[in-house]
Amino acid sequence: MMDQVISIAMIEEKARDAFSRGAGRDEHGFNWHSPAIEAWQAEWDRCAAEAWGIELEVSPP
């Protein structure tokens, strides 16, 4: 079996497209354990904050 490799930029683009079409934050279609979910939700959250005029709280690393 070959795993498909996608970049963070591709994940973020998919999240932006999903937000634009009204998909929910958890409607990413990734396996529940996929590390891509974090990037997806971060970009979805960024899009939501921008659209709704709110500031995201970013905690330092």
C-alpha atoms as a PDB file:
ATOM      1  CA  MET A   1       0.000   0.000   0.000  1.00  0.00           C
ATOM      2  CA  MET A   2       1.290   3.441  -0.871  1.00  0.00           C
ATOM      3  CA  ASP A   3       0.502   6.320   1.436  1.00  0.00           C
ATOM      4  CA  GLN A   4      -0.293   9.599  -0.227  1.00  0.00           C
ATOM      5  CA  VAL A   5       2.038  12.376   0.881  1.00  0.00           C
ATOM      6  CA  ILE A   6       0.570  15.857   0.996  1.00  0.00           C
ATOM      7  CA  SER A   7       2.173  19.085   2.144  1.00  0.00           C
ATOM      8  CA  ILE A   8       1.015  21.426   4.874  1.00  0.00           C
ATOM      9  CA  ALA A   9       0.196  23.967   2.158  1.00  0.00           C
ATOM     10  CA  MET A  10      -2.119  21.443   0.501  1.00  0.00           C
ATOM     11  CA  ILE A  11      -3.836  20.685   3.818  1.00  0.00           C
ATOM     12  CA  GLU A  12      -4.306  24.401   4.483  1.00  0.00           C
ATOM     13  CA  GLU A  13      -5.723  24.931   1.003  1.00  0.00           C
ATOM     14  CA  LYS A  14      -8.201  22.106   1.556  1.00  0.00           C
ATOM     15  CA  ALA A  15      -9.221  23.661   4.884  1.00  0.00           C
ATOM     16  CA  ARG A  16      -9.777  27.060   3.244  1.00  0.00           C
ATOM     17  CA  ASP A  17     -11.855  25.468   0.496  1.00  0.00           C
ATOM     18  CA  ALA A  18     -13.884  23.538   3.053  1.00  0.00           C
ATOM     19  CA  PHE A  19     -14.511  26.656   5.144  1.00  0.00           C
ATOM     20  CA  SER A  20     -15.576  28.558   2.028  1.00  0.00           C
ATOM     21  CA  ARG A  21     -18.147  25.919   1.144  1.00  0.00           C
ATOM     22  CA  GLY A  22     -19.474  25.820   4.714  1.00  0.00           C
ATOM     23  CA  ALA A  23     -17.953  22.563   5.941  1.00  0.00           C
ATOM     24  CA  GLY A  24     -17.532  22.223   9.687  1.00  0.00           C
ATOM     25  CA  ARG A  25     -14.268  22.217  11.591  1.00  0.00           C
ATOM     26  CA  ASP A  26     -14.315  18.440  11.992  1.00  0.00           C
ATOM     27  CA  GLU A  27     -15.401  17.624   8.437  1.00  0.00           C
ATOM     28  CA  HIS A  28     -11.843  17.042   7.216  1.00  0.00           C
ATOM     29  CA  GLY A  29     -12.199  13.387   6.236  1.00  0.00           C
ATOM     30  CA  PHE A  30      -8.865  12.395   7.744  1.00  0.00           C
ATOM     31  CA  ASN A  31      -8.423   9.304   9.895  1.00  0.00           C
ATOM     32  CA  TRP A  32      -8.952  10.192  13.566  1.00  0.00           C
ATOM     33  CA  HIS A  33      -5.245   9.744  14.313  1.00  0.00           C
ATOM     34  CA  SER A  34      -3.896  11.694  11.329  1.00  0.00           C
ATOM     35  CA  PRO A  35      -1.289  14.334  12.163  1.00  0.00           C
ATOM     36  CA  ALA A  36      -2.794  16.445   9.356  1.00  0.00           C
ATOM     37  CA  ILE A  37      -5.827  17.264  11.516  1.00  0.00           C
ATOM     38  CA  GLU A  38      -3.865  19.788  13.564  1.00  0.00           C
ATOM     39  CA  ALA A  39      -2.865  21.785  10.462  1.00  0.00           C
ATOM     40  CA  TRP A  40      -6.385  21.488   9.002  1.00  0.00           C
ATOM     41  CA  GLN A  41      -8.091  22.778  12.147  1.00  0.00           C
ATOM     42  CA  ALA A  42      -5.572  25.562  12.668  1.00  0.00           C
ATOM     43  CA  GLU A  43      -6.208  26.874   9.148  1.00  0.00           C
ATOM     44  CA  TRP A  44      -9.982  26.395   9.495  1.00  0.00           C
ATOM     45  CA  ASP A  45      -9.835  28.355  12.776  1.00  0.00           C
ATOM     46  CA  ARG A  46      -7.810  31.098  11.093  1.00  0.00           C
ATOM     47  CA  CYS A  47     -10.390  31.373   8.313  1.00  0.00           C
ATOM     48  CA  ALA A  48     -13.220  31.494  10.847  1.00  0.00           C
ATOM     49  CA  ALA A  49     -11.499  34.177  12.913  1.00  0.00           C
ATOM     50  CA  GLU A  50     -10.899  36.271   9.815  1.00  0.00           C
ATOM     51  CA  ALA A  51     -14.474  35.844   8.583  1.00  0.00           C
ATOM     52  CA  TRP A  52     -16.047  36.498  11.960  1.00  0.00           C
ATOM     53  CA  GLY A  53     -13.713  39.312  13.005  1.00  0.00           C
ATOM     54  CA  ILE A  54     -12.278  37.675  16.100  1.00  0.00           C
ATOM     55  CA  GLU A  55      -8.713  37.283  17.354  1.00  0.00           C
ATOM     56  CA  LEU A  56      -7.302  33.841  17.935  1.00  0.00           C
ATOM     57  CA  GLU A  57      -5.444  33.234  21.165  1.00  0.00           C
ATOM     58  CA  VAL A  58      -2.057  31.819  20.356  1.00  0.00           C
ATOM     59  CA  SER A  59      -0.171  30.251  23.212  1.00  0.00           C
ATOM     60  CA  PRO A  60       3.601  30.395  23.122  1.00  0.00           C
ATOM     61  CA  PRO A  61       5.438  27.128  22.397  1.00  0.00           C
END
